[in-house]
């Protein structure tokens, strides 16, 4: 059953409201925006990103869990962000990023029958992903800072937010000489998306919403520069990042709804089965499971961050002097 986007977004909003309520009750004076000078930060981030979906995986039944993470398809995510700090323990961030995701059934290492079904399916994909998101950063240890006017150098934090991302999956065909060519899959409707003969297969948008959550830490190298590391998991509401979700269809319908050239491509790309369990087979029967609709595709990243503070750093000359005299990292 597909999770409801409004219901999940409502839960996320409720969680954020509870966090804000807790923080405001714990330190009511500090949460008043006008009580402190608002601080600003810009920065860049880069690091590995990972895909968890229908294609690829490891031994056993396929999942969308870390068990089926294929390290050989690790890709680089890069991005930039702008954060406003209305006080010491809250940050409001706007970020943008670009990455690349990939999966391939041929990469699966086989030990038994469960993974052989996916290896026999023999599908692959790749796609660029662009993303924008907004998030709330929470610095819980800053609640225990007391009346100290300077910030500790090392600060852990958690975050939660929502975003929008765009993708456009491609699949490949390999010719007799081993040359691989990639084709965009969305317009080919490989699982009968929008065809009245397959009412369960709905058209999907290449631009989707996601919910992000994670955490990290940052270390102030100087008054202006900080370094950090951050983990962010993206919960999506689509199972089509890899263009695999439901069942195989009868290829005759490609000729009915697509141009002759697209129909020929769709017939080849929709079913690239190799006879492993059933030697000699070339196609699956109509209605055979092609993907796992129960689990939506996800992706996550572990990035390194470099941030630059803008505007005034400290509230007073005393705070500036105290911070410079603190040479060792302060953790609360």
Protein backbone atom coordinates (compact mmCIF):
# COMPACT_ATOMS: atom_id res chain seq x y z
CA UNK A 1 0.00 0.00 0.00
CA UNK A 2 1.41 3.40 -0.94
CA UNK A 3 2.05 5.74 2.00
CA UNK A 4 0.01 8.95 1.96
CA UNK A 5 2.14 12.04 1.26
CA UNK A 6 -0.19 14.44 3.15
CA UNK A 7 -0.31 12.07 6.13
CA UNK A 8 3.50 11.68 6.25
CA UNK A 9 4.07 15.40 5.77
CA UNK A 10 1.61 16.07 8.56
CA UNK A 11 3.54 13.75 10.88
CA UNK A 12 6.79 15.50 9.98
CA UNK A 13 5.24 18.90 10.65
CA UNK A 14 3.88 17.69 13.99
CA UNK A 15 7.33 16.41 14.97
CA UNK A 16 8.91 19.74 14.10
CA UNK A 17 6.21 21.57 16.10
CA UNK A 18 6.87 19.36 19.13
CA UNK A 19 10.63 20.02 18.87
CA UNK A 20 10.09 23.76 18.61
CA UNK A 21 7.62 23.69 21.50
CA UNK A 22 10.09 21.76 23.65
CA UNK A 23 12.91 24.12 22.84
CA UNK A 24 10.84 27.21 23.48
CA UNK A 25 9.71 25.88 26.87
CA UNK A 26 13.25 24.84 27.82
CA UNK A 27 14.80 28.18 26.94
CA UNK A 28 12.02 30.62 26.24
CA UNK A 29 14.12 33.78 26.30
CA UNK A 30 16.71 32.35 23.89
CA UNK A 31 14.07 31.37 21.36
CA UNK A 32 12.86 34.93 20.90
CA UNK A 33 14.40 35.94 17.59
CA UNK A 34 14.77 39.59 18.56
CA UNK A 35 16.82 38.69 21.63
CA UNK A 36 19.95 37.79 19.67
CA UNK A 37 21.61 38.91 16.48
CA UNK A 38 20.62 36.66 13.61
CA UNK A 39 23.63 34.94 12.03
CA UNK A 40 24.07 33.74 8.46
CA UNK A 41 26.19 31.03 6.87
CA UNK A 42 26.86 29.89 3.32
CA UNK A 43 28.71 26.76 2.35
CA UNK A 44 29.37 23.89 0.00
CA UNK A 45 29.18 20.15 0.51
CA UNK A 46 30.37 17.05 -1.31
CA UNK A 47 30.45 13.31 -0.64
CA UNK A 48 29.14 9.90 -1.64
CA UNK A 49 25.48 9.19 -2.43
CA UNK A 50 23.77 5.80 -2.59
CA UNK A 51 20.63 4.38 -4.21
CA UNK A 52 18.27 1.83 -2.66
CA UNK A 53 15.61 0.54 -5.03
CA UNK A 54 14.47 -2.38 -7.17
CA UNK A 55 17.58 -2.88 -9.28
CA UNK A 56 20.82 -4.42 -8.06
CA UNK A 57 21.31 -5.63 -4.50
CA UNK A 58 22.92 -8.59 -2.78
CA UNK A 59 22.17 -12.21 -1.95
CA UNK A 60 18.69 -13.10 -0.69
CA UNK A 61 15.38 -11.43 -1.38
CA UNK A 62 15.61 -7.88 -2.66
CA UNK A 63 14.91 -5.04 -0.23
CA UNK A 64 15.27 -1.28 -0.07
CA UNK A 65 17.47 -1.59 3.02
CA UNK A 66 21.21 -1.18 3.57
CA UNK A 67 21.54 -4.93 3.04
CA UNK A 68 21.14 -4.33 -0.70
CA UNK A 69 23.54 -1.41 -0.97
CA UNK A 70 25.89 -1.81 -3.96
CA UNK A 71 29.08 0.04 -3.09
CA UNK A 72 30.35 -0.14 -6.67
CA UNK A 73 27.58 2.29 -7.64
CA UNK A 74 28.65 4.92 -5.11
CA UNK A 75 28.30 8.34 -6.74
CA UNK A 76 29.34 11.89 -5.87
CA UNK A 77 26.84 14.38 -4.48
CA UNK A 78 27.76 18.05 -4.52
CA UNK A 79 25.80 21.06 -3.43
CA UNK A 80 25.54 24.41 -1.70
CA UNK A 81 23.48 25.81 1.14
CA UNK A 82 22.44 28.98 2.94
CA UNK A 83 21.49 28.87 6.64
CA UNK A 84 19.98 31.46 8.98
CA UNK A 85 20.63 31.07 12.71
CA UNK A 86 18.01 33.08 14.66
CA UNK A 87 19.56 31.80 17.90
CA UNK A 88 22.19 29.37 19.16
CA UNK A 89 20.29 26.12 18.84
CA UNK A 90 18.15 26.51 15.69
CA UNK A 91 19.14 26.83 12.04
CA UNK A 92 16.86 27.34 9.03
CA UNK A 93 18.53 25.98 5.91
CA UNK A 94 17.87 26.21 2.17
CA UNK A 95 20.01 23.83 0.07
CA UNK A 96 20.49 22.59 -3.48
CA UNK A 97 22.41 19.53 -4.67
CA UNK A 98 23.23 17.44 -7.72
CA UNK A 99 24.04 13.74 -7.80
CA UNK A 100 23.88 10.65 -9.99
CA UNK A 101 22.21 7.33 -9.16
CA UNK A 102 22.66 3.92 -10.78
CA UNK A 103 21.62 0.29 -10.36
CA UNK A 104 22.21 -2.95 -12.29
CA UNK A 105 20.86 -6.47 -11.78
CA UNK A 106 24.00 -7.91 -13.38
CA UNK A 107 25.99 -6.78 -10.33
CA UNK A 108 24.16 -9.15 -7.96
CA UNK A 109 26.32 -11.87 -6.41
CA UNK A 110 24.32 -15.09 -6.37
CA UNK A 111 24.18 -17.78 -3.70
CA UNK A 112 20.64 -19.12 -4.16
CA UNK A 113 17.31 -18.90 -5.98
CA UNK A 114 16.07 -15.59 -4.47
CA UNK A 115 18.66 -13.34 -6.09
CA UNK A 116 18.65 -15.40 -9.31
CA UNK A 117 15.18 -14.05 -10.12
CA UNK A 118 16.55 -10.51 -10.07
CA UNK A 119 19.72 -11.44 -11.91
CA UNK A 120 17.64 -13.14 -14.62
CA UNK A 121 15.56 -9.94 -14.91
CA UNK A 122 18.79 -8.25 -16.11
CA UNK A 123 17.62 -4.63 -15.98
CA UNK A 124 19.72 -1.53 -15.33
CA UNK A 125 19.28 2.23 -15.00
CA UNK A 126 21.08 5.48 -14.41
CA UNK A 127 19.85 9.02 -13.76
CA UNK A 128 20.97 12.48 -12.74
CA UNK A 129 19.15 13.86 -9.70
CA UNK A 130 18.82 17.56 -8.90
CA UNK A 131 17.33 18.52 -5.55
CA UNK A 132 16.30 21.56 -3.53
CA UNK A 133 15.18 21.32 0.08
CA UNK A 134 14.50 23.29 3.21
CA UNK A 135 15.25 21.95 6.67
CA UNK A 136 15.28 22.75 10.35
CA UNK A 137 18.59 22.18 12.16
CA UNK A 138 18.43 21.53 15.92
CA UNK A 139 21.49 21.83 18.17
CA UNK A 140 20.38 20.11 21.39
CA UNK A 141 23.67 20.48 23.29
CA UNK A 142 23.40 24.26 23.02
CA UNK A 143 20.49 24.11 25.48
CA UNK A 144 23.02 23.31 28.20
CA UNK A 145 25.39 26.12 27.34
CA UNK A 146 23.95 28.37 30.03
CA UNK A 147 24.87 32.05 29.90
CA UNK A 148 28.17 31.60 28.05
CA UNK A 149 28.37 34.19 25.30
CA UNK A 150 30.67 32.25 22.99
CA UNK A 151 29.83 29.11 21.04
CA UNK A 152 31.62 25.78 21.52
CA UNK A 153 33.77 24.73 18.60
CA UNK A 154 32.25 21.26 18.21
CA UNK A 155 28.46 21.05 17.85
CA UNK A 156 26.35 17.99 16.93
CA UNK A 157 22.92 18.53 15.40
CA UNK A 158 19.90 16.79 13.93
CA UNK A 159 17.76 17.95 11.04
CA UNK A 160 14.40 17.35 9.41
CA UNK A 161 12.85 18.93 6.36
CA UNK A 162 11.25 18.50 2.95
CA UNK A 163 12.36 18.96 -0.60
CA UNK A 164 11.76 18.47 -4.28
CA UNK A 165 13.91 16.49 -6.70
CA UNK A 166 14.00 15.85 -10.44
CA UNK A 167 15.19 12.68 -12.15
CA UNK A 168 14.98 11.12 -15.63
CA UNK A 169 15.94 7.42 -15.74
CA UNK A 170 17.77 5.79 -18.63
CA UNK A 171 18.17 2.10 -19.47
CA UNK A 172 20.73 0.48 -21.73
CA UNK A 173 20.88 -1.88 -24.70
CA UNK A 174 24.09 -3.65 -25.67
CA UNK A 175 24.76 -4.57 -29.29
CA UNK A 176 26.52 -7.67 -30.65
CA UNK A 177 29.88 -5.91 -30.41
CA UNK A 178 29.45 -5.08 -26.72
CA UNK A 179 28.69 -1.41 -27.28
CA UNK A 180 26.20 -0.03 -24.75
CA UNK A 181 23.69 2.69 -25.66
CA UNK A 182 21.45 4.49 -23.15
CA UNK A 183 17.83 5.54 -23.72
CA UNK A 184 15.38 7.63 -21.69
CA UNK A 185 12.72 5.33 -20.25
CA UNK A 186 9.93 7.64 -19.10
CA UNK A 187 8.35 8.29 -22.53
CA UNK A 188 8.41 4.54 -23.38
CA UNK A 189 5.85 3.59 -20.66
CA UNK A 190 7.54 0.23 -20.09
CA UNK A 191 5.01 -0.93 -17.49
CA UNK A 192 1.96 0.38 -19.36
CA UNK A 193 1.75 3.68 -17.48
CA UNK A 194 -1.48 5.40 -18.47
CA UNK A 195 -2.64 2.57 -20.75
CA UNK A 196 -6.31 1.65 -20.05
CA UNK A 197 -5.39 -2.05 -20.30
CA UNK A 198 -3.28 -1.63 -17.13
CA UNK A 199 -5.29 0.62 -14.78
CA UNK A 200 -2.98 -0.17 -11.84
CA UNK A 201 -0.01 1.38 -13.66
CA UNK A 202 -0.28 5.13 -13.27
CA UNK A 203 1.82 7.75 -15.09
CA UNK A 204 4.54 9.19 -12.88
CA UNK A 205 6.10 12.64 -12.71
CA UNK A 206 9.83 13.19 -13.12
CA UNK A 207 9.65 15.85 -10.39
CA UNK A 208 8.76 14.51 -6.94
CA UNK A 209 8.64 15.52 -3.29
CA UNK A 210 10.74 13.95 -0.57
CA UNK A 211 11.16 14.13 3.19
CA UNK A 212 14.71 14.41 4.51
CA UNK A 213 16.11 13.66 7.93
CA UNK A 214 19.50 12.97 9.42
CA UNK A 215 22.20 14.64 11.46
CA UNK A 216 25.83 15.58 11.69
CA UNK A 217 28.34 17.76 13.47
CA UNK A 218 30.27 20.91 12.73
CA UNK A 219 33.61 22.16 14.05
CA UNK A 220 34.57 25.82 14.05
CA UNK A 221 38.08 26.05 12.60
CA UNK A 222 38.04 29.81 13.04
CA UNK A 223 35.61 32.64 13.72
CA UNK A 224 34.50 32.49 10.09
CA UNK A 225 35.11 28.93 8.84
CA UNK A 226 33.68 25.62 10.00
CA UNK A 227 34.01 22.04 8.79
CA UNK A 228 31.43 19.30 9.21
CA UNK A 229 30.09 15.92 8.21
CA UNK A 230 26.44 15.09 7.63
CA UNK A 231 24.21 12.11 6.90
CA UNK A 232 20.87 12.72 5.12
CA UNK A 233 18.30 10.07 4.21
CA UNK A 234 15.66 10.87 1.58
CA UNK A 235 12.24 9.25 1.89
CA UNK A 236 10.54 9.52 -1.49
CA UNK A 237 6.98 8.93 -2.66
CA UNK A 238 7.78 7.25 -5.96
CA UNK A 239 8.90 3.77 -6.97
CA UNK A 240 10.06 4.90 -10.40
CA UNK A 241 13.49 6.46 -9.87
CA UNK A 242 14.77 3.29 -11.59
CA UNK A 243 11.63 2.98 -13.78
CA UNK A 244 10.84 -0.44 -12.25
CA UNK A 245 7.79 -0.93 -10.04
CA UNK A 246 4.95 -3.27 -11.09
CA UNK A 247 4.52 -6.00 -13.76
CA UNK A 248 5.51 -6.94 -17.29
CA UNK A 249 2.95 -6.03 -19.93
CA UNK A 250 2.11 -7.50 -23.33
CA UNK A 251 4.51 -5.78 -25.80
CA UNK A 252 1.75 -5.53 -28.43
CA UNK A 253 0.46 -2.48 -26.57
CA UNK A 254 3.67 -0.60 -27.26
CA UNK A 255 2.73 -0.69 -30.94
CA UNK A 256 -0.75 0.59 -30.07
CA UNK A 257 0.31 3.62 -28.04
CA UNK A 258 3.83 4.50 -29.21
CA UNK A 259 5.49 5.38 -32.49
CA UNK A 260 7.05 2.51 -34.42
CA UNK A 261 10.59 3.42 -33.36
CA UNK A 262 9.64 3.92 -29.71
CA UNK A 263 7.65 0.70 -29.68
CA UNK A 264 10.67 -1.23 -30.93
CA UNK A 265 12.84 0.30 -28.22
CA UNK A 266 10.22 -0.30 -25.51
CA UNK A 267 9.88 -3.94 -26.47
CA UNK A 268 13.60 -4.47 -25.98
CA UNK A 269 14.06 -2.32 -22.87
CA UNK A 270 11.01 -3.53 -20.95
CA UNK A 271 12.20 -7.13 -20.81
CA UNK A 272 15.90 -8.04 -21.12
CA UNK A 273 15.58 -11.43 -19.41
CA UNK A 274 18.47 -13.86 -19.66
CA UNK A 275 17.80 -17.57 -19.23
CA UNK A 276 19.37 -18.41 -15.86
CA UNK A 277 16.55 -20.15 -14.00
CA UNK A 278 14.77 -21.00 -17.27
CA UNK A 279 17.48 -21.64 -19.91
CA UNK A 280 16.49 -20.43 -23.33
CA UNK A 281 13.79 -17.99 -22.18
CA UNK A 282 13.73 -14.60 -23.87
CA UNK A 283 10.70 -12.85 -22.33
CA UNK A 284 8.52 -13.01 -19.24
CA UNK A 285 4.77 -13.66 -19.59
CA UNK A 286 2.40 -10.71 -19.21
CA UNK A 287 1.58 -10.07 -15.56
CA UNK A 288 4.83 -11.46 -14.13
CA UNK A 289 6.24 -9.34 -11.31
CA UNK A 290 8.83 -6.87 -12.58
CA UNK A 291 9.39 -4.74 -9.46
CA UNK A 292 8.33 -4.37 -5.84
CA UNK A 293 5.65 -1.73 -5.43
CA UNK A 294 5.52 -2.15 -1.64
CA UNK A 295 8.83 -0.35 -1.12
CA UNK A 296 9.45 3.04 -2.68
CA UNK A 297 12.90 3.99 -3.97
CA UNK A 298 15.16 5.95 -1.63
CA UNK A 299 18.63 7.47 -1.64
CA UNK A 300 20.95 8.93 0.95
CA UNK A 301 24.24 10.78 1.23
CA UNK A 302 27.19 11.24 3.58
CA UNK A 303 28.76 14.60 2.81
CA UNK A 304 31.59 16.78 4.03
CA UNK A 305 30.74 20.44 4.53
CA UNK A 306 32.69 23.69 4.48
CA UNK A 307 30.79 26.66 5.88
CA UNK A 308 31.51 30.40 5.99
CA UNK A 309 29.90 32.72 8.52
CA UNK A 310 28.64 36.08 7.28
CA UNK A 311 28.15 39.26 9.28
CA UNK A 312 29.05 39.73 12.97
CA UNK A 313 30.27 36.61 14.77
CA UNK A 314 30.07 37.50 18.47
CA UNK A 315 27.62 39.52 20.53
CA UNK A 316 30.33 41.49 22.38
CA UNK A 317 34.08 42.07 22.65
CA UNK A 318 34.05 39.92 25.79
CA UNK A 319 32.60 36.96 23.84
CA UNK A 320 35.20 37.43 21.11
CA UNK A 321 38.04 37.49 23.63
CA UNK A 322 36.71 34.44 25.53
CA UNK A 323 36.36 32.42 22.32
CA UNK A 324 39.91 33.16 21.22
CA UNK A 325 41.28 32.09 24.57
CA UNK A 326 39.50 28.72 24.21
CA UNK A 327 41.94 26.71 22.13
CA UNK A 328 40.59 23.20 22.80
CA UNK A 329 37.25 21.97 21.42
CA UNK A 330 34.36 22.57 23.84
CA UNK A 331 31.66 19.92 23.91
CA UNK A 332 28.65 20.19 26.19
